[in-house]
Amino acid sequence: MDSNLLKIFTSVVEKKSITLGAKKLKVTQSNVTLRIKQLEKTLGFLVFHRTSKGIVLTTQGEELLPFAKDIVQKMEEIEVRMKNIKVQNSLRLASTYSNASIRLISFLKQINTDFPSMQVDIITNNTLPIIQLLLDYKIDIAFINHEPKNKDLLVLNTFDNELLLLESKQKSTNKTILAYGPSCAFYKAMKDYYTHLDITEYKTIEIEDFEIILSCIELGMGRSLIPKSIVKKFGYLSKLKLTPLSKNIVDVPTCLVCRKDNLPKISEYLKKLQL
């Protein structure tokens, strides 16, 4: 059986639509329809029913799905391993939003200098979705915040972050936390810091832009805990009240990680990388 037929099947099921499945796979809807019919002919049964609201799995389709997902994942693993079996021609990289602001450009410059022919694909997201991408073999390496607890992941390199408590110089700052988002590691660190101070009552304002967060802090709208490198990048070192915090209180290192069973060919290079 052609594993590509199963990949098309799982994509359609994931999107609950032949049209959206075709869009994800970047092929025509008619091509997907034809390949699904080929799969059904090979198997000897319908895998799903077509309705006005999308597709509905048949009983046989539901039984097929977990096996199909497993086969597709295994084939993707093989494809990745074979692609980089001799030379690291490509590198799929993910980074948290904060690290994209402070380390990604420097990393890309070094890679471009040392491996000019390497193709680098980049994804930005929060730490938890990035870890799942690693576990699913969708990416090769990732910059995340904190050392991962998953036993299948390996830390290739660690980079320190000098965390600063940021407050307004001009106005009396309230206890409101200005956070990048609910899953942001620095927001979690700020909450840990408040716990350390026995502060339990406070508001949170979520702003998914570090420069706007810094501007709001300057206006006295709240506080935040952000790496010095980000504050410096946006030119706010002299505009805000800065309080360095001991790593014994809060520590959010950046870790460059990969799967233990999917080491990049340039892993030794990455272990020695300085950013």
Foldseek 3Di string as FASTA:
>chain_A
DDLVLLVLLLLQVVVLALCRSCVVVVHDSVVSVVSQVVVCVVVVHHQWDQDPVGTGGDPVNVVCNVVSVVSNLVVLVVVLCVVPVPHQQEFEEEEEPQCCLFPPVVVVVVCCVVPVRHHYHYHYDAQVVVVVCQVSVVGFKYKYKDDDPDPQKDFLAKAFFFKKKWAAPPDDADAEEEEQDPRDPQVVLSVLLCVVVVNDDYHYDHDNDVLVSLVCRNVRHHITIGGPSNCVVNPCPPGTDIDTDDVVRPTIMITMMHGPVRHRPCSVVSSPDDD
